Amino acid sequence: MQPPSQQAPAPILSGMVQQPSQQIIIGAPSTNATAALVLSILGIVGSLFYGLGIVCSIPGLILANGALLITNQFPNHPDAGMAKAAKVCAWVGIGIFIVMILLVVAAGLLYVWAASLAEP
């Protein structure tokens, strides 16, 4: 038997050695998905007023595409759904703009046609 000062140290965790964890926590990069969604929704509302929403829909679409580029690189990114919604809303706003322009052109053509019929 060895003297108490020379005994082997007893294992602390029954033979397991605890190593320090070296986890690197990487946060998801920020995106402009919120700004894209706000601009896209404003584009839908603005498109109902003579198509003025195109001023907000196109920048919303550009920001949404940029946010989607970032969120596609990181699976389960928290802004992925918002970026997709912003892209859909921007395209809806652009579609409403196109329909409004076609309606204004059709109304103008109809007015000219009706005026030509009324002349004697």
N, C-alpha and C. Protein backbone atom coordinates (compact mmCIF):
# COMPACT_ATOMS: atom_id res chain seq x y z
N MET A 1 0.82 -1.18 0.00
CA MET A 1 0.00 0.00 0.00
C MET A 1 0.88 1.25 0.00
N GLN A 2 0.44 2.24 -0.77
CA GLN A 2 1.23 3.46 -0.89
C GLN A 2 0.82 4.43 0.21
N PRO A 3 1.73 5.28 0.56
CA PRO A 3 1.36 6.30 1.55
C PRO A 3 0.30 7.23 0.95
N PRO A 4 -0.53 7.89 1.79
CA PRO A 4 -1.62 8.73 1.29
C PRO A 4 -1.18 9.84 0.35
N SER A 5 0.02 10.33 0.44
CA SER A 5 0.45 11.42 -0.43
C SER A 5 0.81 10.94 -1.82
N GLN A 6 1.03 9.63 -2.00
CA GLN A 6 1.45 9.11 -3.29
C GLN A 6 0.38 8.27 -3.98
N GLN A 7 -0.82 8.24 -3.48
CA GLN A 7 -1.88 7.44 -4.10
C GLN A 7 -2.36 8.11 -5.39
N ALA A 8 -2.81 7.28 -6.33
CA ALA A 8 -3.36 7.80 -7.58
C ALA A 8 -4.67 8.52 -7.28
N PRO A 9 -4.89 9.62 -7.96
CA PRO A 9 -6.15 10.34 -7.71
C PRO A 9 -7.34 9.50 -8.16
N ALA A 10 -8.39 9.56 -7.39
CA ALA A 10 -9.61 8.82 -7.71
C ALA A 10 -10.32 9.50 -8.86
N PRO A 11 -10.87 8.72 -9.79
CA PRO A 11 -11.61 9.34 -10.90
C PRO A 11 -12.85 10.07 -10.36
N ILE A 12 -13.06 11.22 -10.90
CA ILE A 12 -14.17 12.06 -10.44
C ILE A 12 -15.49 11.54 -10.98
N LEU A 13 -15.54 11.25 -12.25
CA LEU A 13 -16.80 10.82 -12.87
C LEU A 13 -16.68 9.37 -13.34
N SER A 14 -16.29 8.51 -12.46
CA SER A 14 -16.16 7.08 -12.74
C SER A 14 -15.41 6.79 -14.04
N GLY A 15 -14.27 7.37 -14.18
CA GLY A 15 -13.42 7.08 -15.32
C GLY A 15 -13.59 8.02 -16.50
N MET A 16 -14.59 8.86 -16.52
CA MET A 16 -14.80 9.78 -17.64
C MET A 16 -14.04 11.07 -17.37
N VAL A 17 -13.45 11.56 -18.39
CA VAL A 17 -12.77 12.83 -18.29
C VAL A 17 -13.64 13.87 -18.99
N GLN A 18 -13.96 14.91 -18.27
CA GLN A 18 -14.82 15.95 -18.84
C GLN A 18 -13.94 16.96 -19.57
N GLN A 19 -14.25 17.14 -20.87
CA GLN A 19 -13.49 18.09 -21.66
C GLN A 19 -14.32 19.36 -21.83
N PRO A 20 -13.66 20.49 -21.89
CA PRO A 20 -14.42 21.72 -22.08
C PRO A 20 -15.09 21.72 -23.45
N SER A 21 -16.32 22.20 -23.49
CA SER A 21 -17.03 22.23 -24.76
C SER A 21 -16.52 23.40 -25.59
N GLN A 22 -16.34 23.14 -26.85
CA GLN A 22 -15.85 24.17 -27.75
C GLN A 22 -16.85 24.42 -28.86
N GLN A 23 -18.04 24.76 -28.46
CA GLN A 23 -19.10 25.01 -29.44
C GLN A 23 -19.01 26.45 -29.91
N ILE A 24 -19.15 26.61 -31.20
CA ILE A 24 -19.19 27.95 -31.77
C ILE A 24 -20.63 28.23 -32.12
N ILE A 25 -21.17 29.23 -31.52
CA ILE A 25 -22.56 29.58 -31.76
C ILE A 25 -22.59 30.67 -32.83
N ILE A 26 -23.18 30.30 -33.94
CA ILE A 26 -23.27 31.24 -35.05
C ILE A 26 -24.73 31.65 -35.18
N GLY A 27 -25.00 32.93 -35.08
CA GLY A 27 -26.36 33.43 -35.25
C GLY A 27 -26.70 33.58 -36.71
N ALA A 28 -27.96 33.55 -36.99
CA ALA A 28 -28.40 33.75 -38.37
C ALA A 28 -28.16 35.20 -38.76
N PRO A 29 -27.65 35.43 -39.96
CA PRO A 29 -27.42 36.82 -40.39
C PRO A 29 -28.74 37.55 -40.56
N SER A 30 -28.68 38.83 -40.33
CA SER A 30 -29.90 39.63 -40.45
C SER A 30 -30.24 39.87 -41.92
N THR A 31 -31.52 40.03 -42.16
CA THR A 31 -32.00 40.28 -43.51
C THR A 31 -32.93 41.49 -43.49
N ASN A 32 -33.32 41.92 -44.67
CA ASN A 32 -34.28 43.02 -44.81
C ASN A 32 -35.67 42.49 -45.10
N ALA A 33 -35.99 41.32 -44.58
CA ALA A 33 -37.27 40.69 -44.88
C ALA A 33 -38.43 41.52 -44.33
N THR A 34 -38.26 42.12 -43.17
CA THR A 34 -39.34 42.93 -42.59
C THR A 34 -39.61 44.16 -43.45
N ALA A 35 -38.55 44.84 -43.85
CA ALA A 35 -38.72 46.01 -44.70
C ALA A 35 -39.33 45.62 -46.05
N ALA A 36 -38.92 44.47 -46.57
CA ALA A 36 -39.48 44.00 -47.84
C ALA A 36 -40.96 43.72 -47.71
N LEU A 37 -41.37 43.11 -46.59
CA LEU A 37 -42.79 42.81 -46.40
C LEU A 37 -43.61 44.08 -46.23
N VAL A 38 -43.08 45.04 -45.50
CA VAL A 38 -43.80 46.31 -45.32
C VAL A 38 -43.96 47.02 -46.66
N LEU A 39 -42.89 47.09 -47.44
CA LEU A 39 -42.98 47.75 -48.75
C LEU A 39 -43.92 47.00 -49.69
N SER A 40 -43.91 45.69 -49.62
CA SER A 40 -44.78 44.91 -50.50
C SER A 40 -46.25 45.10 -50.15
N ILE A 41 -46.56 45.15 -48.87
CA ILE A 41 -47.95 45.38 -48.45
C ILE A 41 -48.38 46.79 -48.83
N LEU A 42 -47.49 47.76 -48.64
CA LEU A 42 -47.81 49.12 -49.08
C LEU A 42 -48.00 49.17 -50.59
N GLY A 43 -47.27 48.33 -51.31
CA GLY A 43 -47.42 48.26 -52.76
C GLY A 43 -48.79 47.73 -53.16
N ILE A 44 -49.30 46.75 -52.42
CA ILE A 44 -50.65 46.23 -52.72
C ILE A 44 -51.69 47.30 -52.47
N VAL A 45 -51.59 47.95 -51.32
CA VAL A 45 -52.57 49.00 -50.98
C VAL A 45 -52.45 50.17 -51.95
N GLY A 46 -51.21 50.56 -52.26
CA GLY A 46 -51.01 51.70 -53.17
C GLY A 46 -51.42 51.40 -54.60
N SER A 47 -51.39 50.14 -55.00
CA SER A 47 -51.78 49.79 -56.36
C SER A 47 -53.27 49.99 -56.60
N LEU A 48 -54.02 50.03 -55.54
CA LEU A 48 -55.46 50.27 -55.68
C LEU A 48 -55.76 51.73 -55.97
N PHE A 49 -54.78 52.61 -55.80
CA PHE A 49 -54.94 54.03 -56.07
C PHE A 49 -54.18 54.38 -57.34
N TYR A 50 -54.78 54.08 -58.48
CA TYR A 50 -54.25 54.39 -59.81
C TYR A 50 -52.87 53.79 -60.03
N GLY A 51 -52.57 52.70 -59.38
CA GLY A 51 -51.32 52.00 -59.61
C GLY A 51 -50.09 52.63 -59.00
N LEU A 52 -50.27 53.50 -58.02
CA LEU A 52 -49.11 54.16 -57.42
C LEU A 52 -48.29 53.22 -56.55
N GLY A 53 -48.79 52.05 -56.26
CA GLY A 53 -48.09 51.11 -55.40
C GLY A 53 -46.87 50.49 -56.04
N ILE A 54 -46.70 50.67 -57.34
CA ILE A 54 -45.51 50.14 -58.01
C ILE A 54 -44.26 50.77 -57.44
N VAL A 55 -44.40 51.97 -56.89
CA VAL A 55 -43.26 52.67 -56.28
C VAL A 55 -42.76 51.89 -55.07
N CYS A 56 -43.63 51.18 -54.38
CA CYS A 56 -43.23 50.37 -53.22
C CYS A 56 -43.04 48.90 -53.57
N SER A 57 -43.77 48.41 -54.56
CA SER A 57 -43.70 46.98 -54.88
C SER A 57 -42.35 46.56 -55.45
N ILE A 58 -41.79 47.37 -56.33
CA ILE A 58 -40.51 47.00 -56.94
C ILE A 58 -39.38 47.00 -55.92
N PRO A 59 -39.23 48.04 -55.08
CA PRO A 59 -38.20 47.94 -54.04
C PRO A 59 -38.46 46.80 -53.06
N GLY A 60 -39.73 46.51 -52.77
CA GLY A 60 -40.05 45.38 -51.91
C GLY A 60 -39.62 44.06 -52.52
N LEU A 61 -39.81 43.93 -53.83
CA LEU A 61 -39.39 42.71 -54.52
C LEU A 61 -37.87 42.57 -54.52
N ILE A 62 -37.17 43.68 -54.72
CA ILE A 62 -35.71 43.64 -54.71
C ILE A 62 -35.19 43.25 -53.33
N LEU A 63 -35.76 43.84 -52.28
CA LEU A 63 -35.34 43.49 -50.92
C LEU A 63 -35.71 42.05 -50.58
N ALA A 64 -36.86 41.59 -51.04
CA ALA A 64 -37.28 40.21 -50.77
C ALA A 64 -36.34 39.22 -51.44
N ASN A 65 -35.92 39.50 -52.67
CA ASN A 65 -34.99 38.61 -53.35
C ASN A 65 -33.64 38.57 -52.63
N GLY A 66 -33.19 39.70 -52.15
CA GLY A 66 -31.94 39.74 -51.37
C GLY A 66 -32.06 38.96 -50.07
N ALA A 67 -33.21 39.10 -49.40
CA ALA A 67 -33.42 38.35 -48.16
C ALA A 67 -33.52 36.85 -48.44
N LEU A 68 -34.12 36.48 -49.56
CA LEU A 68 -34.22 35.06 -49.90
C LEU A 68 -32.85 34.46 -50.22
N LEU A 69 -31.96 35.24 -50.81
CA LEU A 69 -30.61 34.74 -51.06
C LEU A 69 -29.91 34.39 -49.75
N ILE A 70 -30.11 35.21 -48.74
CA ILE A 70 -29.49 34.95 -47.44
C ILE A 70 -30.18 33.78 -46.74
N THR A 71 -31.51 33.77 -46.74
CA THR A 71 -32.21 32.72 -45.99
C THR A 71 -32.07 31.35 -46.64
N ASN A 72 -31.85 31.28 -47.94
CA ASN A 72 -31.66 29.98 -48.60
C ASN A 72 -30.31 29.36 -48.24
N GLN A 73 -29.35 30.17 -47.83
CA GLN A 73 -28.04 29.66 -47.45
C GLN A 73 -28.04 29.05 -46.05
N PHE A 74 -29.01 29.44 -45.21
CA PHE A 74 -29.07 28.97 -43.84
C PHE A 74 -30.40 28.26 -43.62
N PRO A 75 -30.39 26.95 -43.51
CA PRO A 75 -31.64 26.23 -43.27
C PRO A 75 -32.29 26.67 -41.95
N ASN A 76 -33.60 26.71 -41.94
CA ASN A 76 -34.39 27.11 -40.77
C ASN A 76 -34.09 28.54 -40.32
N HIS A 77 -33.77 29.40 -41.27
CA HIS A 77 -33.56 30.82 -40.95
C HIS A 77 -34.90 31.41 -40.50
N PRO A 78 -34.91 32.20 -39.44
CA PRO A 78 -36.19 32.71 -38.93
C PRO A 78 -36.92 33.67 -39.88
N ASP A 79 -36.21 34.28 -40.82
CA ASP A 79 -36.84 35.23 -41.74
C ASP A 79 -37.24 34.62 -43.07
N ALA A 80 -37.11 33.31 -43.22
CA ALA A 80 -37.38 32.68 -44.51
C ALA A 80 -38.84 32.85 -44.92
N GLY A 81 -39.75 32.62 -44.02
CA GLY A 81 -41.17 32.75 -44.34
C GLY A 81 -41.57 34.18 -44.66
N MET A 82 -40.99 35.11 -43.91
CA MET A 82 -41.31 36.51 -44.15
C MET A 82 -40.77 36.97 -45.51
N ALA A 83 -39.62 36.49 -45.89
CA ALA A 83 -39.05 36.86 -47.19
C ALA A 83 -39.89 36.29 -48.33
N LYS A 84 -40.37 35.05 -48.16
CA LYS A 84 -41.23 34.46 -49.20
C LYS A 84 -42.56 35.22 -49.30
N ALA A 85 -43.11 35.57 -48.15
CA ALA A 85 -44.37 36.33 -48.15
C ALA A 85 -44.18 37.70 -48.80
N ALA A 86 -43.05 38.33 -48.54
CA ALA A 86 -42.77 39.63 -49.15
C ALA A 86 -42.67 39.52 -50.67
N LYS A 87 -42.06 38.46 -51.14
CA LYS A 87 -41.94 38.26 -52.59
C LYS A 87 -43.31 38.05 -53.22
N VAL A 88 -44.14 37.25 -52.58
CA VAL A 88 -45.50 37.01 -53.10
C VAL A 88 -46.30 38.30 -53.10
N CYS A 89 -46.24 39.04 -52.00
CA CYS A 89 -47.00 40.30 -51.92
C CYS A 89 -46.51 41.31 -52.94
N ALA A 90 -45.21 41.35 -53.19
CA ALA A 90 -44.69 42.27 -54.19
C ALA A 90 -45.21 41.92 -55.58
N TRP A 91 -45.23 40.63 -55.91
CA TRP A 91 -45.75 40.23 -57.22
C TRP A 91 -47.25 40.49 -57.33
N VAL A 92 -47.98 40.34 -56.23
CA VAL A 92 -49.41 40.66 -56.25
C VAL A 92 -49.59 42.16 -56.51
N GLY A 93 -48.78 42.98 -55.84
CA GLY A 93 -48.85 44.43 -56.06
C GLY A 93 -48.53 44.81 -57.48
N ILE A 94 -47.53 44.16 -58.08
CA ILE A 94 -47.18 44.43 -59.47
C ILE A 94 -48.31 43.97 -60.40
N GLY A 95 -48.91 42.83 -60.08
CA GLY A 95 -50.05 42.34 -60.88
C GLY A 95 -51.24 43.29 -60.83
N ILE A 96 -51.54 43.81 -59.64
CA ILE A 96 -52.64 44.77 -59.51
C ILE A 96 -52.32 46.04 -60.30
N PHE A 97 -51.05 46.46 -60.26
CA PHE A 97 -50.64 47.63 -61.04
C PHE A 97 -50.90 47.42 -62.52
N ILE A 98 -50.52 46.25 -63.03
CA ILE A 98 -50.71 45.96 -64.46
C ILE A 98 -52.19 45.94 -64.81
N VAL A 99 -53.01 45.33 -63.96
CA VAL A 99 -54.47 45.29 -64.20
C VAL A 99 -55.04 46.70 -64.18
N MET A 100 -54.61 47.54 -63.24
CA MET A 100 -55.12 48.91 -63.17
C MET A 100 -54.74 49.71 -64.42
N ILE A 101 -53.52 49.53 -64.90
CA ILE A 101 -53.10 50.23 -66.11
C ILE A 101 -53.93 49.77 -67.31
N LEU A 102 -54.17 48.46 -67.41
CA LEU A 102 -54.99 47.94 -68.50
C LEU A 102 -56.43 48.47 -68.42
N LEU A 103 -56.96 48.59 -67.21
CA LEU A 103 -58.31 49.14 -67.05
C LEU A 103 -58.37 50.61 -67.45
N VAL A 104 -57.36 51.38 -67.11
CA VAL A 104 -57.34 52.80 -67.48
C VAL A 104 -57.23 52.94 -69.00
N VAL A 105 -56.38 52.12 -69.62
CA VAL A 105 -56.25 52.18 -71.08
C VAL A 105 -57.55 51.75 -71.75
N ALA A 106 -58.18 50.69 -71.23
CA ALA A 106 -59.45 50.22 -71.81
C ALA A 106 -60.54 51.28 -71.64
N ALA A 107 -60.56 51.95 -70.49
CA ALA A 107 -61.56 53.00 -70.29
C ALA A 107 -61.33 54.16 -71.25
N GLY A 108 -60.08 54.52 -71.48
CA GLY A 108 -59.77 55.59 -72.43
C GLY A 108 -60.17 55.22 -73.85
N LEU A 109 -59.88 53.98 -74.25
CA LEU A 109 -60.28 53.53 -75.59
C LEU A 109 -61.80 53.49 -75.74
N LEU A 110 -62.47 53.05 -74.69
CA LEU A 110 -63.93 53.00 -74.72
C LEU A 110 -64.52 54.41 -74.82
N TYR A 111 -63.91 55.36 -74.13
CA TYR A 111 -64.37 56.75 -74.19
C TYR A 111 -64.19 57.32 -75.60
N VAL A 112 -63.04 57.06 -76.21
CA VAL A 112 -62.79 57.56 -77.56
C VAL A 112 -63.75 56.91 -78.54
N TRP A 113 -63.97 55.62 -78.41
CA TRP A 113 -64.89 54.92 -79.30
C TRP A 113 -66.32 55.46 -79.14
N ALA A 114 -66.75 55.67 -77.89
CA ALA A 114 -68.10 56.19 -77.66
C ALA A 114 -68.24 57.61 -78.18
N ALA A 115 -67.19 58.41 -78.06
CA ALA A 115 -67.24 59.77 -78.56
C ALA A 115 -67.31 59.81 -80.10
N SER A 116 -66.67 58.84 -80.74
CA SER A 116 -66.72 58.81 -82.20
C SER A 116 -68.10 58.40 -82.70
N LEU A 117 -68.82 57.60 -81.91
CA LEU A 117 -70.17 57.21 -82.29
C LEU A 117 -71.17 58.35 -82.11
N ALA A 118 -70.90 59.26 -81.20
CA ALA A 118 -71.84 60.32 -80.90
C ALA A 118 -71.76 61.46 -81.91
N GLU A 119 -70.71 61.55 -82.70
CA GLU A 119 -70.59 62.63 -83.68
C GLU A 119 -71.54 62.37 -84.85
N PRO A 120 -72.20 63.44 -85.31
CA PRO A 120 -73.13 63.26 -86.44
C PRO A 120 -72.45 63.17 -87.77
